[in-house]
């Protein structure tokens, strides 16, 4: 991750790092009507690293049914309860990880 990001101080905010990693949504607009869609731009290797890290945060052990990280798992379930799909909830986890970094 350090090799892909480089010096983290070159990003003035977490928003810029999320944009660099391809995690931030992109606004597509046509005729004055727009919507946010998943970005296909950005550093795909870094995006994959954040995705794998997010999956590990919400994993549940098979035998004990205990989450690896209860705080992230609760946040993941909260986002699903708000009506987000599993993929959208994972993007929320990824974004929170970007903010931590």
PDB file of N, CA and C in Angstrom:
ATOM      1  N   UNK A   1       0.826  -1.177   0.000  1.00  0.00           N
ATOM      2  CA  UNK A   1       0.000   0.000   0.000  1.00  0.00           C
ATOM      3  C   UNK A   1       0.878   1.252   0.000  1.00  0.00           C
ATOM      4  N   UNK A   2       1.951   1.220   0.763  1.00  0.00           N
ATOM      5  CA  UNK A   2       2.849   2.371   0.822  1.00  0.00           C
ATOM      6  C   UNK A   2       3.482   2.620  -0.545  1.00  0.00           C
ATOM      7  N   UNK A   3       3.801   1.556  -1.265  1.00  0.00           N
ATOM      8  CA  UNK A   3       4.405   1.713  -2.585  1.00  0.00           C
ATOM      9  C   UNK A   3       3.428   2.338  -3.576  1.00  0.00           C
ATOM     10  N   UNK A   4       2.152   2.047  -3.461  1.00  0.00           N
ATOM     11  CA  UNK A   4       1.159   2.602  -4.382  1.00  0.00           C
ATOM     12  C   UNK A   4       0.789   4.043  -4.033  1.00  0.00           C
ATOM     13  N   UNK A   5       0.698   4.352  -2.746  1.00  0.00           N
ATOM     14  CA  UNK A   5       0.328   5.710  -2.333  1.00  0.00           C
ATOM     15  C   UNK A   5       1.520   6.649  -2.423  1.00  0.00           C
ATOM     16  N   UNK A   6       2.685   6.163  -2.036  1.00  0.00           N
ATOM     17  CA  UNK A   6       3.843   7.043  -1.977  1.00  0.00           C
ATOM     18  C   UNK A   6       3.774   7.873  -0.709  1.00  0.00           C
ATOM     19  N   UNK A   7       4.113   9.151  -0.822  1.00  0.00           N
ATOM     20  CA  UNK A   7       4.052  10.049   0.326  1.00  0.00           C
ATOM     21  C   UNK A   7       2.605  10.504   0.501  1.00  0.00           C
ATOM     22  N   UNK A   8       1.987  10.110   1.604  1.00  0.00           N
ATOM     23  CA  UNK A   8       0.576  10.406   1.831  1.00  0.00           C
ATOM     24  C   UNK A   8       0.346  11.908   2.000  1.00  0.00           C
ATOM     25  N   UNK A   9       1.382  12.657   2.329  1.00  0.00           N
ATOM     26  CA  UNK A   9       1.238  14.102   2.515  1.00  0.00           C
ATOM     27  C   UNK A   9       0.994  14.832   1.204  1.00  0.00           C
ATOM     28  N   UNK A  10       1.175  14.169   0.082  1.00  0.00           N
ATOM     29  CA  UNK A  10       0.914  14.830  -1.201  1.00  0.00           C
ATOM     30  C   UNK A  10      -0.586  14.992  -1.458  1.00  0.00           C
ATOM     31  N   UNK A  11      -1.414  14.306  -0.670  1.00  0.00           N
ATOM     32  CA  UNK A  11      -2.863  14.448  -0.764  1.00  0.00           C
ATOM     33  C   UNK A  11      -3.313  15.387   0.350  1.00  0.00           C
ATOM     34  N   UNK A  12      -3.947  16.484  -0.020  1.00  0.00           N
ATOM     35  CA  UNK A  12      -4.337  17.483   0.981  1.00  0.00           C
ATOM     36  C   UNK A  12      -5.542  17.046   1.815  1.00  0.00           C
ATOM     37  N   UNK A  13      -6.286  16.067   1.338  1.00  0.00           N
ATOM     38  CA  UNK A  13      -7.460  15.610   2.086  1.00  0.00           C
ATOM     39  C   UNK A  13      -7.727  14.137   1.768  1.00  0.00           C
ATOM     40  N   UNK A  14      -8.522  13.469   2.616  1.00  0.00           N
ATOM     41  CA  UNK A  14      -8.895  12.077   2.315  1.00  0.00           C
ATOM     42  C   UNK A  14      -9.693  11.954   1.019  1.00  0.00           C
ATOM     43  N   UNK A  15     -10.415  13.017   0.655  1.00  0.00           N
ATOM     44  CA  UNK A  15     -11.176  12.999  -0.598  1.00  0.00           C
ATOM     45  C   UNK A  15     -10.258  12.811  -1.804  1.00  0.00           C
ATOM     46  N   UNK A  16      -9.108  13.461  -1.764  1.00  0.00           N
ATOM     47  CA  UNK A  16      -8.176  13.363  -2.895  1.00  0.00           C
ATOM     48  C   UNK A  16      -7.541  11.980  -2.966  1.00  0.00           C
ATOM     49  N   UNK A  17      -7.261  11.388  -1.816  1.00  0.00           N
ATOM     50  CA  UNK A  17      -6.729  10.024  -1.806  1.00  0.00           C
ATOM     51  C   UNK A  17      -7.782   9.042  -2.314  1.00  0.00           C
ATOM     52  N   UNK A  18      -9.036   9.236  -1.914  1.00  0.00           N
ATOM     53  CA  UNK A  18     -10.113   8.364  -2.388  1.00  0.00           C
ATOM     54  C   UNK A  18     -10.277   8.503  -3.901  1.00  0.00           C
ATOM     55  N   UNK A  19     -10.160   9.702  -4.413  1.00  0.00           N
ATOM     56  CA  UNK A  19     -10.255   9.924  -5.859  1.00  0.00           C
ATOM     57  C   UNK A  19      -9.097   9.241  -6.582  1.00  0.00           C
ATOM     58  N   UNK A  20      -7.891   9.342  -6.010  1.00  0.00           N
ATOM     59  CA  UNK A  20      -6.713   8.708  -6.600  1.00  0.00           C
ATOM     60  C   UNK A  20      -6.866   7.187  -6.632  1.00  0.00           C
ATOM     61  N   UNK A  21      -7.491   6.627  -5.595  1.00  0.00           N
ATOM     62  CA  UNK A  21      -7.673   5.175  -5.510  1.00  0.00           C
ATOM     63  C   UNK A  21      -8.888   4.686  -6.296  1.00  0.00           C
ATOM     64  N   UNK A  22      -9.702   5.607  -6.819  1.00  0.00           N
ATOM     65  CA  UNK A  22     -10.871   5.210  -7.587  1.00  0.00           C
ATOM     66  C   UNK A  22     -12.029   4.787  -6.715  1.00  0.00           C
ATOM     67  N   UNK A  23     -12.078   5.273  -5.480  1.00  0.00           N
ATOM     68  CA  UNK A  23     -13.141   4.906  -4.557  1.00  0.00           C
ATOM     69  C   UNK A  23     -14.258   5.946  -4.558  1.00  0.00           C
ATOM     70  N   UNK A  24     -13.903   7.195  -4.829  1.00  0.00           N
ATOM     71  CA  UNK A  24     -14.889   8.279  -4.817  1.00  0.00           C
ATOM     72  C   UNK A  24     -15.840   8.139  -6.011  1.00  0.00           C
ATOM     73  N   UNK A  25     -17.137   8.424  -5.809  1.00  0.00           N
ATOM     74  CA  UNK A  25     -18.078   8.334  -6.934  1.00  0.00           C
ATOM     75  C   UNK A  25     -17.833   9.452  -7.951  1.00  0.00           C
ATOM     76  N   UNK A  26     -18.236   9.210  -9.185  1.00  0.00           N
ATOM     77  CA  UNK A  26     -18.077  10.172 -10.263  1.00  0.00           C
ATOM     78  C   UNK A  26     -19.462  10.638 -10.687  1.00  0.00           C
ATOM     79  N   UNK A  27     -19.617  11.943 -10.886  1.00  0.00           N
ATOM     80  CA  UNK A  27     -20.906  12.507 -11.300  1.00  0.00           C
ATOM     81  C   UNK A  27     -21.013  12.455 -12.819  1.00  0.00           C
ATOM     82  N   UNK A  28     -22.028  11.773 -13.306  1.00  0.00           N
ATOM     83  CA  UNK A  28     -22.332  11.742 -14.737  1.00  0.00           C
ATOM     84  C   UNK A  28     -23.604  12.536 -14.939  1.00  0.00           C
ATOM     85  N   UNK A  29     -23.566  13.473 -15.863  1.00  0.00           N
ATOM     86  CA  UNK A  29     -24.725  14.319 -16.051  1.00  0.00           C
ATOM     87  C   UNK A  29     -25.043  14.429 -17.532  1.00  0.00           C
ATOM     88  N   UNK A  30     -26.315  14.430 -17.835  1.00  0.00           N
ATOM     89  CA  UNK A  30     -26.766  14.565 -19.210  1.00  0.00           C
ATOM     90  C   UNK A  30     -28.056  15.371 -19.189  1.00  0.00           C
ATOM     91  N   UNK A  31     -28.055  16.501 -19.853  1.00  0.00           N
ATOM     92  CA  UNK A  31     -29.250  17.324 -19.914  1.00  0.00           C
ATOM     93  C   UNK A  31     -29.661  17.908 -18.587  1.00  0.00           C
ATOM     94  N   UNK A  32     -28.690  18.195 -17.710  1.00  0.00           N
ATOM     95  CA  UNK A  32     -29.005  18.786 -16.419  1.00  0.00           C
ATOM     96  C   UNK A  32     -29.391  17.790 -15.356  1.00  0.00           C
ATOM     97  N   UNK A  33     -29.546  16.530 -15.724  1.00  0.00           N
ATOM     98  CA  UNK A  33     -29.874  15.496 -14.744  1.00  0.00           C
ATOM     99  C   UNK A  33     -28.639  14.628 -14.559  1.00  0.00           C
ATOM    100  N   UNK A  34     -28.207  14.503 -13.335  1.00  0.00           N
ATOM    101  CA  UNK A  34     -26.996  13.733 -13.085  1.00  0.00           C
ATOM    102  C   UNK A  34     -27.185  12.715 -11.994  1.00  0.00           C
ATOM    103  N   UNK A  35     -26.266  11.779 -11.967  1.00  0.00           N
ATOM    104  CA  UNK A  35     -26.258  10.801 -10.892  1.00  0.00           C
ATOM    105  C   UNK A  35     -24.828  10.361 -10.634  1.00  0.00           C
ATOM    106  N   UNK A  36     -24.587   9.878  -9.442  1.00  0.00           N
ATOM    107  CA  UNK A  36     -23.266   9.391  -9.073  1.00  0.00           C
ATOM    108  C   UNK A  36     -23.161   7.920  -9.438  1.00  0.00           C
ATOM    109  N   UNK A  37     -22.027   7.572 -10.023  1.00  0.00           N
ATOM    110  CA  UNK A  37     -21.782   6.184 -10.379  1.00  0.00           C
ATOM    111  C   UNK A  37     -20.410   5.774  -9.886  1.00  0.00           C
ATOM    112  N   UNK A  38     -20.196   4.487  -9.822  1.00  0.00           N
ATOM    113  CA  UNK A  38     -18.925   3.929  -9.407  1.00  0.00           C
ATOM    114  C   UNK A  38     -17.842   4.338 -10.403  1.00  0.00           C
ATOM    115  N   UNK A  39     -16.707   4.741  -9.890  1.00  0.00           N
ATOM    116  CA  UNK A  39     -15.606   5.184 -10.736  1.00  0.00           C
ATOM    117  C   UNK A  39     -14.850   3.989 -11.307  1.00  0.00           C
ATOM    118  N   UNK A  40     -14.477   4.093 -12.557  1.00  0.00           N
ATOM    119  CA  UNK A  40     -13.618   3.080 -13.176  1.00  0.00           C
ATOM    120  C   UNK A  40     -12.221   3.634 -13.382  1.00  0.00           C
ATOM    121  N   UNK A  41     -11.994   4.829 -12.846  1.00  0.00           N
ATOM    122  CA  UNK A  41     -10.705   5.477 -12.978  1.00  0.00           C
ATOM    123  C   UNK A  41      -9.913   5.274 -11.698  1.00  0.00           C
ATOM    124  N   UNK A  42      -8.729   5.791 -11.682  1.00  0.00           N
ATOM    125  CA  UNK A  42      -7.908   5.723 -10.480  1.00  0.00           C
ATOM    126  C   UNK A  42      -6.955   4.546 -10.519  1.00  0.00           C
ATOM    127  N   UNK A  43      -6.190   4.426  -9.482  1.00  0.00           N
ATOM    128  CA  UNK A  43      -5.191   3.379  -9.343  1.00  0.00           C
ATOM    129  C   UNK A  43      -5.903   2.081  -8.977  1.00  0.00           C
ATOM    130  N   UNK A  44      -5.993   1.164  -9.922  1.00  0.00           N
ATOM    131  CA  UNK A  44      -6.748  -0.074  -9.708  1.00  0.00           C
ATOM    132  C   UNK A  44      -6.062  -1.007  -8.722  1.00  0.00           C
ATOM    133  N   UNK A  45      -4.736  -0.963  -8.661  1.00  0.00           N
ATOM    134  CA  UNK A  45      -4.025  -1.800  -7.687  1.00  0.00           C
ATOM    135  C   UNK A  45      -4.362  -1.331  -6.274  1.00  0.00           C
ATOM    136  N   UNK A  46      -4.336  -0.014  -6.071  1.00  0.00           N
ATOM    137  CA  UNK A  46      -4.671   0.546  -4.763  1.00  0.00           C
ATOM    138  C   UNK A  46      -6.133   0.289  -4.420  1.00  0.00           C
ATOM    139  N   UNK A  47      -6.995   0.382  -5.406  1.00  0.00           N
ATOM    140  CA  UNK A  47      -8.413   0.083  -5.205  1.00  0.00           C
ATOM    141  C   UNK A  47      -8.585  -1.362  -4.740  1.00  0.00           C
ATOM    142  N   UNK A  48      -7.878  -2.267  -5.383  1.00  0.00           N
ATOM    143  CA  UNK A  48      -7.936  -3.680  -4.990  1.00  0.00           C
ATOM    144  C   UNK A  48      -7.420  -3.916  -3.582  1.00  0.00           C
ATOM    145  N   UNK A  49      -6.371  -3.194  -3.210  1.00  0.00           N
ATOM    146  CA  UNK A  49      -5.845  -3.322  -1.846  1.00  0.00           C
ATOM    147  C   UNK A  49      -6.867  -2.858  -0.814  1.00  0.00           C
ATOM    148  N   UNK A  50      -7.514  -1.726  -1.089  1.00  0.00           N
ATOM    149  CA  UNK A  50      -8.535  -1.238  -0.166  1.00  0.00           C
ATOM    150  C   UNK A  50      -9.721  -2.201  -0.111  1.00  0.00           C
ATOM    151  N   UNK A  51     -10.088  -2.797  -1.241  1.00  0.00           N
ATOM    152  CA  UNK A  51     -11.204  -3.739  -1.260  1.00  0.00           C
ATOM    153  C   UNK A  51     -10.875  -4.973  -0.418  1.00  0.00           C
ATOM    154  N   UNK A  52      -9.687  -5.527  -0.612  1.00  0.00           N
ATOM    155  CA  UNK A  52      -9.292  -6.704   0.166  1.00  0.00           C
ATOM    156  C   UNK A  52      -9.235  -6.395   1.655  1.00  0.00           C
ATOM    157  N   UNK A  53      -8.750  -5.218   2.002  1.00  0.00           N
ATOM    158  CA  UNK A  53      -8.693  -4.820   3.400  1.00  0.00           C
ATOM    159  C   UNK A  53     -10.101  -4.661   3.972  1.00  0.00           C
ATOM    160  N   UNK A  54     -11.016  -4.110   3.176  1.00  0.00           N
ATOM    161  CA  UNK A  54     -12.398  -3.943   3.622  1.00  0.00           C
ATOM    162  C   UNK A  54     -13.077  -5.292   3.836  1.00  0.00           C
ATOM    163  N   UNK A  55     -12.829  -6.241   2.943  1.00  0.00           N
ATOM    164  CA  UNK A  55     -13.418  -7.580   3.087  1.00  0.00           C
ATOM    165  C   UNK A  55     -12.923  -8.229   4.373  1.00  0.00           C
ATOM    166  N   UNK A  56     -11.643  -8.070   4.677  1.00  0.00           N
ATOM    167  CA  UNK A  56     -11.102  -8.652   5.900  1.00  0.00           C
ATOM    168  C   UNK A  56     -11.707  -8.026   7.143  1.00  0.00           C
ATOM    169  N   UNK A  57     -12.092  -6.758   7.067  1.00  0.00           N
ATOM    170  CA  UNK A  57     -12.677  -6.084   8.225  1.00  0.00           C
ATOM    171  C   UNK A  57     -14.068  -6.601   8.561  1.00  0.00           C
ATOM    172  N   UNK A  58     -14.818  -7.051   7.553  1.00  0.00           N
ATOM    173  CA  UNK A  58     -16.196  -7.499   7.805  1.00  0.00           C
ATOM    174  C   UNK A  58     -16.343  -9.016   7.788  1.00  0.00           C
ATOM    175  N   UNK A  59     -15.243  -9.733   7.677  1.00  0.00           N
ATOM    176  CA  UNK A  59     -15.317 -11.196   7.681  1.00  0.00           C
ATOM    177  C   UNK A  59     -15.787 -11.705   9.037  1.00  0.00           C
ATOM    178  N   UNK A  60     -16.492 -12.825   8.980  1.00  0.00           N
ATOM    179  CA  UNK A  60     -16.992 -13.479  10.184  1.00  0.00           C
ATOM    180  C   UNK A  60     -16.383 -14.874  10.231  1.00  0.00           C
ATOM    181  N   UNK A  61     -15.851 -15.248  11.390  1.00  0.00           N
ATOM    182  CA  UNK A  61     -15.266 -16.577  11.555  1.00  0.00           C
ATOM    183  C   UNK A  61     -16.363 -17.626  11.477  1.00  0.00           C
ATOM    184  N   UNK A  62     -16.099 -18.725  10.777  1.00  0.00           N
ATOM    185  CA  UNK A  62     -17.117 -19.755  10.568  1.00  0.00           C
ATOM    186  C   UNK A  62     -17.543 -20.440  11.855  1.00  0.00           C
ATOM    187  N   UNK A  63     -16.593 -20.831  12.672  1.00  0.00           N
ATOM    188  CA  UNK A  63     -16.925 -21.589  13.875  1.00  0.00           C
ATOM    189  C   UNK A  63     -17.586 -20.757  14.961  1.00  0.00           C
ATOM    190  N   UNK A  64     -17.032 -19.600  15.238  1.00  0.00           N
ATOM    191  CA  UNK A  64     -17.535 -18.804  16.357  1.00  0.00           C
ATOM    192  C   UNK A  64     -18.569 -17.761  15.946  1.00  0.00           C
ATOM    193  N   UNK A  65     -18.693 -17.492  14.655  1.00  0.00           N
ATOM    194  CA  UNK A  65     -19.629 -16.480  14.131  1.00  0.00           C
ATOM    195  C   UNK A  65     -19.334 -15.085  14.687  1.00  0.00           C
ATOM    196  N   UNK A  66     -18.072 -14.858  15.087  1.00  0.00           N
ATOM    197  CA  UNK A  66     -17.663 -13.557  15.606  1.00  0.00           C
ATOM    198  C   UNK A  66     -16.944 -12.785  14.498  1.00  0.00           C
ATOM    199  N   UNK A  67     -17.289 -11.507  14.316  1.00  0.00           N
ATOM    200  CA  UNK A  67     -16.606 -10.717  13.286  1.00  0.00           C
ATOM    201  C   UNK A  67     -15.173 -10.396  13.702  1.00  0.00           C
ATOM    202  N   UNK A  68     -14.303 -10.247  12.694  1.00  0.00           N
ATOM    203  CA  UNK A  68     -12.916  -9.886  12.982  1.00  0.00           C
ATOM    204  C   UNK A  68     -12.824  -8.511  13.606  1.00  0.00           C
ATOM    205  N   UNK A  69     -13.588  -7.584  13.070  1.00  0.00           N
ATOM    206  CA  UNK A  69     -13.590  -6.218  13.579  1.00  0.00           C
ATOM    207  C   UNK A  69     -15.042  -5.825  13.851  1.00  0.00           C
ATOM    208  N   UNK A  70     -15.487  -5.910  15.092  1.00  0.00           N
ATOM    209  CA  UNK A  70     -16.903  -5.651  15.397  1.00  0.00           C
ATOM    210  C   UNK A  70     -17.378  -4.257  15.001  1.00  0.00           C
ATOM    211  N   UNK A  71     -16.496  -3.250  15.092  1.00  0.00           N
ATOM    212  CA  UNK A  71     -16.902  -1.880  14.756  1.00  0.00           C
ATOM    213  C   UNK A  71     -17.214  -1.755  13.263  1.00  0.00           C
ATOM    214  N   UNK A  72     -16.352  -2.283  12.426  1.00  0.00           N
ATOM    215  CA  UNK A  72     -16.587  -2.227  10.984  1.00  0.00           C
ATOM    216  C   UNK A  72     -17.766  -3.109  10.577  1.00  0.00           C
ATOM    217  N   UNK A  73     -17.928  -4.252  11.239  1.00  0.00           N
ATOM    218  CA  UNK A  73     -19.041  -5.139  10.910  1.00  0.00           C
ATOM    219  C   UNK A  73     -20.378  -4.470  11.253  1.00  0.00           C
ATOM    220  N   UNK A  74     -20.428  -3.780  12.391  1.00  0.00           N
ATOM    221  CA  UNK A  74     -21.648  -3.058  12.776  1.00  0.00           C
ATOM    222  C   UNK A  74     -21.948  -1.941  11.781  1.00  0.00           C
ATOM    223  N   UNK A  75     -20.902  -1.242  11.326  1.00  0.00           N
ATOM    224  CA  UNK A  75     -21.071  -0.174  10.331  1.00  0.00           C
ATOM    225  C   UNK A  75     -21.576  -0.750   9.011  1.00  0.00           C
ATOM    226  N   UNK A  76     -21.050  -1.911   8.620  1.00  0.00           N
ATOM    227  CA  UNK A  76     -21.465  -2.604   7.399  1.00  0.00           C
ATOM    228  C   UNK A  76     -22.953  -2.982   7.480  1.00  0.00           C
ATOM    229  N   UNK A  77     -23.366  -3.543   8.608  1.00  0.00           N
ATOM    230  CA  UNK A  77     -24.777  -3.910   8.792  1.00  0.00           C
ATOM    231  C   UNK A  77     -25.672  -2.677   8.827  1.00  0.00           C
ATOM    232  N   UNK A  78     -25.179  -1.593   9.406  1.00  0.00           N
ATOM    233  CA  UNK A  78     -25.940  -0.344   9.447  1.00  0.00           C
ATOM    234  C   UNK A  78     -26.185   0.182   8.032  1.00  0.00           C
ATOM    235  N   UNK A  79     -25.172   0.141   7.192  1.00  0.00           N
ATOM    236  CA  UNK A  79     -25.311   0.621   5.817  1.00  0.00           C
ATOM    237  C   UNK A  79     -26.290  -0.258   5.036  1.00  0.00           C
ATOM    238  N   UNK A  80     -26.271  -1.560   5.283  1.00  0.00           N
ATOM    239  CA  UNK A  80     -27.226  -2.443   4.623  1.00  0.00           C
ATOM    240  C   UNK A  80     -28.645  -2.164   5.116  1.00  0.00           C
ATOM    241  N   UNK A  81     -28.788  -1.847   6.391  1.00  0.00           N
ATOM    242  CA  UNK A  81     -30.108  -1.522   6.931  1.00  0.00           C
ATOM    243  C   UNK A  81     -30.634  -0.210   6.341  1.00  0.00           C
ATOM    244  N   UNK A  82     -29.736   0.685   5.934  1.00  0.00           N
ATOM    245  CA  UNK A  82     -30.125   1.945   5.307  1.00  0.00           C
ATOM    246  C   UNK A  82     -30.586   1.744   3.863  1.00  0.00           C
ATOM    247  N   UNK A  83     -30.436   0.524   3.347  1.00  0.00           N
ATOM    248  CA  UNK A  83     -30.907   0.232   1.997  1.00  0.00           C
ATOM    249  C   UNK A  83     -29.806   0.099   0.967  1.00  0.00           C
ATOM    250  N   UNK A  84     -28.559   0.137   1.394  1.00  0.00           N
ATOM    251  CA  UNK A  84     -27.459  -0.020   0.448  1.00  0.00           C
ATOM    252  C   UNK A  84     -27.250  -1.501   0.145  1.00  0.00           C
ATOM    253  N   UNK A  85     -26.768  -1.774  -1.066  1.00  0.00           N
ATOM    254  CA  UNK A  85     -26.446  -3.145  -1.430  1.00  0.00           C
ATOM    255  C   UNK A  85     -25.143  -3.547  -0.737  1.00  0.00           C
ATOM    256  N   UNK A  86     -24.795  -4.816  -0.831  1.00  0.00           N
ATOM    257  CA  UNK A  86     -23.551  -5.277  -0.222  1.00  0.00           C
ATOM    258  C   UNK A  86     -22.348  -4.576  -0.836  1.00  0.00           C
ATOM    259  N   UNK A  87     -22.363  -4.390  -2.150  1.00  0.00           N
ATOM    260  CA  UNK A  87     -21.267  -3.701  -2.824  1.00  0.00           C
ATOM    261  C   UNK A  87     -21.150  -2.252  -2.400  1.00  0.00           C
ATOM    262  N   UNK A  88     -22.280  -1.573  -2.275  1.00  0.00           N
ATOM    263  CA  UNK A  88     -22.261  -0.181  -1.837  1.00  0.00           C
ATOM    264  C   UNK A  88     -21.788  -0.078  -0.391  1.00  0.00           C
ATOM    265  N   UNK A  89     -22.179  -1.023   0.440  1.00  0.00           N
ATOM    266  CA  UNK A  89     -21.725  -1.023   1.832  1.00  0.00           C
ATOM    267  C   UNK A  89     -20.219  -1.259   1.904  1.00  0.00           C
ATOM    268  N   UNK A  90     -19.682  -2.096   1.003  1.00  0.00           N
ATOM    269  CA  UNK A  90     -18.237  -2.321   0.965  1.00  0.00           C
ATOM    270  C   UNK A  90     -17.507  -1.047   0.564  1.00  0.00           C
ATOM    271  N   UNK A  91     -18.069  -0.283  -0.360  1.00  0.00           N
ATOM    272  CA  UNK A  91     -17.459   0.986  -0.757  1.00  0.00           C
ATOM    273  C   UNK A  91     -17.441   1.944   0.432  1.00  0.00           C
ATOM    274  N   UNK A  92     -18.478   1.926   1.261  1.00  0.00           N
ATOM    275  CA  UNK A  92     -18.509   2.757   2.466  1.00  0.00           C
ATOM    276  C   UNK A  92     -17.396   2.350   3.432  1.00  0.00           C
ATOM    277  N   UNK A  93     -17.167   1.052   3.561  1.00  0.00           N
ATOM    278  CA  UNK A  93     -16.076   0.557   4.408  1.00  0.00           C
ATOM    279  C   UNK A  93     -14.739   1.004   3.832  1.00  0.00           C
ATOM    280  N   UNK A  94     -14.588   0.882   2.515  1.00  0.00           N
ATOM    281  CA  UNK A  94     -13.346   1.299   1.865  1.00  0.00           C
ATOM    282  C   UNK A  94     -13.083   2.781   2.104  1.00  0.00           C
ATOM    283  N   UNK A  95     -14.127   3.579   2.004  1.00  0.00           N
ATOM    284  CA  UNK A  95     -13.978   5.016   2.205  1.00  0.00           C
ATOM    285  C   UNK A  95     -13.574   5.338   3.637  1.00  0.00           C
ATOM    286  N   UNK A  96     -14.132   4.609   4.585  1.00  0.00           N
ATOM    287  CA  UNK A  96     -13.753   4.815   5.984  1.00  0.00           C
ATOM    288  C   UNK A  96     -12.287   4.444   6.198  1.00  0.00           C
ATOM    289  N   UNK A  97     -11.820   3.392   5.530  1.00  0.00           N
ATOM    290  CA  UNK A  97     -10.405   3.021   5.625  1.00  0.00           C
ATOM    291  C   UNK A  97      -9.507   4.099   5.036  1.00  0.00           C
ATOM    292  N   UNK A  98      -9.945   4.715   3.940  1.00  0.00           N
ATOM    293  CA  UNK A  98      -9.183   5.831   3.353  1.00  0.00           C
ATOM    294  C   UNK A  98      -9.080   6.963   4.360  1.00  0.00           C
ATOM    295  N   UNK A  99     -10.172   7.263   5.047  1.00  0.00           N
ATOM    296  CA  UNK A  99     -10.137   8.338   6.045  1.00  0.00           C
ATOM    297  C   UNK A  99      -9.164   8.018   7.180  1.00  0.00           C
ATOM    298  N   UNK A 100      -9.070   6.758   7.558  1.00  0.00           N
ATOM    299  CA  UNK A 100      -8.149   6.360   8.629  1.00  0.00           C
ATOM    300  C   UNK A 100      -6.702   6.543   8.177  1.00  0.00           C
ATOM    301  N   UNK A 101      -6.426   6.168   6.936  1.00  0.00           N
ATOM    302  CA  UNK A 101      -5.053   6.296   6.421  1.00  0.00           C
ATOM    303  C   UNK A 101      -4.698   7.752   6.263  1.00  0.00           C
TER     304      UNK A 101
END
